[in-house]
PDB file of N, CA and C in Angstrom:
ATOM      1  N   MET A   1     103.448 118.916 102.095  1.00  0.00           N
ATOM      2  CA  MET A   1     102.822 120.222 102.143  1.00  0.00           C
ATOM      3  C   MET A   1     102.777 120.814 100.744  1.00  0.00           C
ATOM      4  N   ALA A   2     101.883 121.765 100.579  1.00  0.00           N
ATOM      5  CA  ALA A   2     101.724 122.411  99.286  1.00  0.00           C
ATOM      6  C   ALA A   2     101.307 123.861  99.505  1.00  0.00           C
ATOM      7  N   GLU A   3     101.638 124.673  98.527  1.00  0.00           N
ATOM      8  CA  GLU A   3     101.270 126.083  98.575  1.00  0.00           C
ATOM      9  C   GLU A   3     100.829 126.489  97.178  1.00  0.00           C
ATOM     10  N   ILE A   4      99.633 127.107  97.085  1.00  0.00           N
ATOM     11  CA  ILE A   4      99.131 127.585  95.806  1.00  0.00           C
ATOM     12  C   ILE A   4      99.301 129.090  95.759  1.00  0.00           C
ATOM     13  N   LYS A   5      99.996 129.572  94.708  1.00  0.00           N
ATOM     14  CA  LYS A   5     100.127 131.014  94.509  1.00  0.00           C
ATOM     15  C   LYS A   5     100.468 131.295  93.060  1.00  0.00           C
ATOM     16  N   ASP A   6      99.855 132.330  92.523  1.00  0.00           N
ATOM     17  CA  ASP A   6     100.153 132.793  91.166  1.00  0.00           C
ATOM     18  C   ASP A   6     100.147 131.668  90.139  1.00  0.00           C
ATOM     19  N   ASN A   7      99.083 130.870  90.130  1.00  0.00           N
ATOM     20  CA  ASN A   7      98.930 129.760  89.183  1.00  0.00           C
ATOM     21  C   ASN A   7     100.027 128.709  89.295  1.00  0.00           C
ATOM     22  N   GLU A   8     100.661 128.624  90.444  1.00  0.00           N
ATOM     23  CA  GLU A   8     101.653 127.591  90.700  1.00  0.00           C
ATOM     24  C   GLU A   8     101.269 126.843  91.975  1.00  0.00           C
ATOM     25  N   LEU A   9     101.510 125.562  91.947  1.00  0.00           N
ATOM     26  CA  LEU A   9     101.364 124.739  93.133  1.00  0.00           C
ATOM     27  C   LEU A   9     102.757 124.251  93.472  1.00  0.00           C
ATOM     28  N   ILE A  10     103.241 124.654  94.624  1.00  0.00           N
ATOM     29  CA  ILE A  10     104.585 124.282  95.041  1.00  0.00           C
ATOM     30  C   ILE A  10     104.459 123.120  96.019  1.00  0.00           C
ATOM     31  N   LEU A  11     104.947 121.971  95.591  1.00  0.00           N
ATOM     32  CA  LEU A  11     104.909 120.763  96.404  1.00  0.00           C
ATOM     33  C   LEU A  11     106.265 120.558  97.056  1.00  0.00           C
ATOM     34  N   THR A  12     106.261 120.038  98.258  1.00  0.00           N
ATOM     35  CA  THR A  12     107.503 119.696  98.937  1.00  0.00           C
ATOM     36  C   THR A  12     107.487 118.201  99.190  1.00  0.00           C
ATOM     37  N   ASP A  13     108.481 117.493  98.635  1.00  0.00           N
ATOM     38  CA  ASP A  13     108.512 116.038  98.812  1.00  0.00           C
ATOM     39  C   ASP A  13     109.102 115.681 100.173  1.00  0.00           C
ATOM     40  N   GLU A  14     109.195 114.383 100.442  1.00  0.00           N
ATOM     41  CA  GLU A  14     109.660 113.904 101.749  1.00  0.00           C
ATOM     42  C   GLU A  14     111.112 114.257 102.031  1.00  0.00           C
ATOM     43  N   ASN A  15     111.870 114.616 100.989  1.00  0.00           N
ATOM     44  CA  ASN A  15     113.271 115.012 101.161  1.00  0.00           C
ATOM     45  C   ASN A  15     113.449 116.526 101.265  1.00  0.00           C
ATOM     46  N   GLY A  16     112.334 117.260 101.236  1.00  0.00           N
ATOM     47  CA  GLY A  16     112.400 118.712 101.337  1.00  0.00           C
ATOM     48  C   GLY A  16     112.602 119.415 100.006  1.00  0.00           C
ATOM     49  N   LYS A  17     112.624 118.664  98.915  1.00  0.00           N
ATOM     50  CA  LYS A  17     112.804 119.252  97.588  1.00  0.00           C
ATOM     51  C   LYS A  17     111.485 119.848  97.109  1.00  0.00           C
ATOM     52  N   GLU A  18     111.536 121.081  96.587  1.00  0.00           N
ATOM     53  CA  GLU A  18     110.345 121.740  96.064  1.00  0.00           C
ATOM     54  C   GLU A  18     110.140 121.380  94.603  1.00  0.00           C
ATOM     55  N   ILE A  19     108.897 121.084  94.264  1.00  0.00           N
ATOM     56  CA  ILE A  19     108.503 120.788  92.899  1.00  0.00           C
ATOM     57  C   ILE A  19     107.440 121.809  92.520  1.00  0.00           C
ATOM     58  N   ILE A  20     107.693 122.595  91.485  1.00  0.00           N
ATOM     59  CA  ILE A  20     106.758 123.633  91.058  1.00  0.00           C
ATOM     60  C   ILE A  20     105.921 123.092  89.909  1.00  0.00           C
ATOM     61  N   THR A  21     104.604 123.084  90.108  1.00  0.00           N
ATOM     62  CA  THR A  21     103.683 122.615  89.088  1.00  0.00           C
ATOM     63  C   THR A  21     102.799 123.782  88.645  1.00  0.00           C
ATOM     64  N   GLU A  22     102.123 123.619  87.521  1.00  0.00           N
ATOM     65  CA  GLU A  22     101.248 124.668  86.991  1.00  0.00           C
ATOM     66  C   GLU A  22      99.800 124.342  87.327  1.00  0.00           C
ATOM     67  N   VAL A  23      99.121 125.256  88.027  1.00  0.00           N
ATOM     68  CA  VAL A  23      97.715 125.077  88.362  1.00  0.00           C
ATOM     69  C   VAL A  23      96.872 125.431  87.146  1.00  0.00           C
ATOM     70  N   LEU A  24      96.027 124.502  86.742  1.00  0.00           N
ATOM     71  CA  LEU A  24      95.105 124.764  85.635  1.00  0.00           C
ATOM     72  C   LEU A  24      93.875 125.498  86.149  1.00  0.00           C
ATOM     73  N   PHE A  25      93.306 124.992  87.249  1.00  0.00           N
ATOM     74  CA  PHE A  25      92.201 125.684  87.911  1.00  0.00           C
ATOM     75  C   PHE A  25      91.917 125.029  89.255  1.00  0.00           C
ATOM     76  N   THR A  26      91.180 125.750  90.084  1.00  0.00           N
ATOM     77  CA  THR A  26      90.706 125.219  91.358  1.00  0.00           C
ATOM     78  C   THR A  26      89.184 125.245  91.328  1.00  0.00           C
ATOM     79  N   TYR A  27      88.586 124.418  92.160  1.00  0.00           N
ATOM     80  CA  TYR A  27      87.136 124.298  92.201  1.00  0.00           C
ATOM     81  C   TYR A  27      86.718 123.987  93.620  1.00  0.00           C
ATOM     82  N   GLU A  28      85.698 124.687  94.102  1.00  0.00           N
ATOM     83  CA  GLU A  28      85.180 124.422  95.437  1.00  0.00           C
ATOM     84  C   GLU A  28      83.764 123.877  95.313  1.00  0.00           C
ATOM     85  N   ASN A  29      83.535 122.684  95.849  1.00  0.00           N
ATOM     86  CA  ASN A  29      82.230 122.061  95.836  1.00  0.00           C
ATOM     87  C   ASN A  29      81.597 122.291  97.207  1.00  0.00           C
ATOM     88  N   GLU A  30      80.628 123.177  97.255  1.00  0.00           N
ATOM     89  CA  GLU A  30      80.008 123.532  98.533  1.00  0.00           C
ATOM     90  C   GLU A  30      79.168 122.400  99.101  1.00  0.00           C
ATOM     91  N   GLU A  31      78.552 121.567  98.226  1.00  0.00           N
ATOM     92  CA  GLU A  31      77.759 120.434  98.700  1.00  0.00           C
ATOM     93  C   GLU A  31      78.599 119.455  99.504  1.00  0.00           C
ATOM     94  N   ARG A  32      79.798 119.179  99.012  1.00  0.00           N
ATOM     95  CA  ARG A  32      80.696 118.223  99.669  1.00  0.00           C
ATOM     96  C   ARG A  32      81.665 118.904 100.624  1.00  0.00           C
ATOM     97  N   ASN A  33      81.669 120.223 100.620  1.00  0.00           N
ATOM     98  CA  ASN A  33      82.574 121.004 101.459  1.00  0.00           C
ATOM     99  C   ASN A  33      84.038 120.612 101.193  1.00  0.00           C
ATOM    100  N   LYS A  34      84.382 120.536  99.890  1.00  0.00           N
ATOM    101  CA  LYS A  34      85.742 120.168  99.495  1.00  0.00           C
ATOM    102  C   LYS A  34      86.252 121.132  98.434  1.00  0.00           C
ATOM    103  N   LYS A  35      87.578 121.326  98.437  1.00  0.00           N
ATOM    104  CA  LYS A  35      88.253 122.146  97.445  1.00  0.00           C
ATOM    105  C   LYS A  35      89.138 121.241  96.600  1.00  0.00           C
ATOM    106  N   TYR A  36      89.108 121.460  95.296  1.00  0.00           N
ATOM    107  CA  TYR A  36      89.883 120.646  94.367  1.00  0.00           C
ATOM    108  C   TYR A  36      90.878 121.527  93.618  1.00  0.00           C
ATOM    109  N   VAL A  37      92.025 120.963  93.318  1.00  0.00           N
ATOM    110  CA  VAL A  37      93.017 121.652  92.499  1.00  0.00           C
ATOM    111  C   VAL A  37      93.408 120.709  91.364  1.00  0.00           C
ATOM    112  N   PHE A  38      93.476 121.266  90.158  1.00  0.00           N
ATOM    113  CA  PHE A  38      93.857 120.522  88.957  1.00  0.00           C
ATOM    114  C   PHE A  38      95.161 121.128  88.472  1.00  0.00           C
ATOM    115  N   PHE A  39      96.197 120.299  88.316  1.00  0.00           N
ATOM    116  CA  PHE A  39      97.509 120.832  87.977  1.00  0.00           C
ATOM    117  C   PHE A  39      98.297 119.867  87.112  1.00  0.00           C
ATOM    118  N   VAL A  40      99.361 120.399  86.498  1.00  0.00           N
ATOM    119  CA  VAL A  40     100.265 119.578  85.679  1.00  0.00           C
ATOM    120  C   VAL A  40     101.699 119.879  86.085  1.00  0.00           C
ATOM    121  N   ASP A  41     102.526 118.876  85.940  1.00  0.00           N
ATOM    122  CA  ASP A  41     103.963 119.032  86.118  1.00  0.00           C
ATOM    123  C   ASP A  41     104.507 119.589  84.806  1.00  0.00           C
ATOM    124  N   PRO A  42     105.245 120.697  84.816  1.00  0.00           N
ATOM    125  CA  PRO A  42     105.766 121.264  83.568  1.00  0.00           C
ATOM    126  C   PRO A  42     106.636 120.291  82.779  1.00  0.00           C
ATOM    127  N   ASN A  43     107.208 119.296  83.434  1.00  0.00           N
ATOM    128  CA  ASN A  43     108.022 118.298  82.748  1.00  0.00           C
ATOM    129  C   ASN A  43     107.178 117.176  82.135  1.00  0.00           C
ATOM    130  N   ASP A  44     105.897 117.122  82.481  1.00  0.00           N
ATOM    131  CA  ASP A  44     104.993 116.093  81.967  1.00  0.00           C
ATOM    132  C   ASP A  44     103.603 116.702  81.851  1.00  0.00           C
ATOM    133  N   ASP A  45     103.430 117.645  80.909  1.00  0.00           N
ATOM    134  CA  ASP A  45     102.177 118.388  80.820  1.00  0.00           C
ATOM    135  C   ASP A  45     101.052 117.631  80.122  1.00  0.00           C
ATOM    136  N   GLU A  46     101.246 116.347  79.836  1.00  0.00           N
ATOM    137  CA  GLU A  46     100.190 115.548  79.223  1.00  0.00           C
ATOM    138  C   GLU A  46      99.259 114.920  80.257  1.00  0.00           C
ATOM    139  N   ASN A  47      99.685 114.847  81.507  1.00  0.00           N
ATOM    140  CA  ASN A  47      98.888 114.222  82.560  1.00  0.00           C
ATOM    141  C   ASN A  47      98.398 115.269  83.554  1.00  0.00           C
ATOM    142  N   VAL A  48      97.078 115.431  83.609  1.00  0.00           N
ATOM    143  CA  VAL A  48      96.481 116.345  84.580  1.00  0.00           C
ATOM    144  C   VAL A  48      96.283 115.587  85.884  1.00  0.00           C
ATOM    145  N   ILE A  49      96.678 116.215  86.976  1.00  0.00           N
ATOM    146  CA  ILE A  49      96.536 115.622  88.303  1.00  0.00           C
ATOM    147  C   ILE A  49      95.466 116.422  89.052  1.00  0.00           C
ATOM    148  N   ALA A  50      94.545 115.736  89.691  1.00  0.00           N
ATOM    149  CA  ALA A  50      93.502 116.382  90.481  1.00  0.00           C
ATOM    150  C   ALA A  50      93.593 115.864  91.903  1.00  0.00           C
ATOM    151  N   MET A  51      93.531 116.794  92.860  1.00  0.00           N
ATOM    152  CA  MET A  51      93.595 116.416  94.272  1.00  0.00           C
ATOM    153  C   MET A  51      92.694 117.339  95.076  1.00  0.00           C
ATOM    154  N   ILE A  52      92.358 116.896  96.265  1.00  0.00           N
ATOM    155  CA  ILE A  52      91.628 117.719  97.224  1.00  0.00           C
ATOM    156  C   ILE A  52      92.666 118.457  98.058  1.00  0.00           C
ATOM    157  N   TYR A  53      92.378 119.713  98.413  1.00  0.00           N
ATOM    158  CA  TYR A  53      93.295 120.448  99.281  1.00  0.00           C
ATOM    159  C   TYR A  53      92.518 121.160 100.380  1.00  0.00           C
ATOM    160  N   ASN A  54      93.223 121.518 101.454  1.00  0.00           N
ATOM    161  CA  ASN A  54      92.593 122.272 102.533  1.00  0.00           C
ATOM    162  C   ASN A  54      93.365 123.568 102.775  1.00  0.00           C
ATOM    163  N   ASP A  55      92.880 124.373 103.703  1.00  0.00           N
ATOM    164  CA  ASP A  55      93.485 125.682 103.973  1.00  0.00           C
ATOM    165  C   ASP A  55      94.865 125.581 104.615  1.00  0.00           C
ATOM    166  N   GLU A  56      95.220 124.420 105.132  1.00  0.00           N
ATOM    167  CA  GLU A  56      96.527 124.224 105.758  1.00  0.00           C
ATOM    168  C   GLU A  56      97.596 123.798 104.753  1.00  0.00           C
ATOM    169  N   GLY A  57      97.216 123.666 103.483  1.00  0.00           N
ATOM    170  CA  GLY A  57      98.187 123.290 102.462  1.00  0.00           C
ATOM    171  C   GLY A  57      98.410 121.797 102.332  1.00  0.00           C
ATOM    172  N   GLU A  58      97.473 121.017 102.837  1.00  0.00           N
ATOM    173  CA  GLU A  58      97.579 119.567 102.721  1.00  0.00           C
ATOM    174  C   GLU A  58      96.824 119.105 101.482  1.00  0.00           C
ATOM    175  N   LEU A  59      97.406 118.154 100.766  1.00  0.00           N
ATOM    176  CA  LEU A  59      96.767 117.560  99.590  1.00  0.00           C
ATOM    177  C   LEU A  59      96.325 116.148  99.920  1.00  0.00           C
ATOM    178  N   PHE A  60      95.185 115.750  99.337  1.00  0.00           N
ATOM    179  CA  PHE A  60      94.634 114.428  99.568  1.00  0.00           C
ATOM    180  C   PHE A  60      94.179 113.841  98.232  1.00  0.00           C
ATOM    181  N   PRO A  61      94.332 112.527  98.054  1.00  0.00           N
ATOM    182  CA  PRO A  61      93.842 111.912  96.816  1.00  0.00           C
ATOM    183  C   PRO A  61      92.317 111.952  96.761  1.00  0.00           C
ATOM    184  N   ILE A  62      91.801 111.966  95.555  1.00  0.00           N
ATOM    185  CA  ILE A  62      90.346 111.889  95.366  1.00  0.00           C
ATOM    186  C   ILE A  62      89.994 110.411  95.351  1.00  0.00           C
ATOM    187  N   GLU A  63      89.133 110.011  96.277  1.00  0.00           N
ATOM    188  CA  GLU A  63      88.836 108.604  96.431  1.00  0.00           C
ATOM    189  C   GLU A  63      87.469 108.203  95.918  1.00  0.00           C
ATOM    190  N   ASP A  64      86.678 109.153  95.450  1.00  0.00           N
ATOM    191  CA  ASP A  64      85.361 108.818  94.907  1.00  0.00           C
ATOM    192  C   ASP A  64      85.180 109.466  93.538  1.00  0.00           C
ATOM    193  N   ASP A  65      84.162 109.028  92.829  1.00  0.00           N
ATOM    194  CA  ASP A  65      83.897 109.575  91.507  1.00  0.00           C
ATOM    195  C   ASP A  65      83.282 110.934  91.647  1.00  0.00           C
TER     196      ASP A  65
END
């Protein structure tokens, strides 16, 4: 699960541990009806991670270009 608030994306791993990441920006593509979030882990800010998210707080990998 994930929660976006105040430029933070709070991830919960399989052990229940929360990981707070920094949201760079979000983007909604109306043609594809998908929402994207771009974020970095504060401990590794050199790698930007992009994922699809929904209103229920679920994250999904991006599988197409």
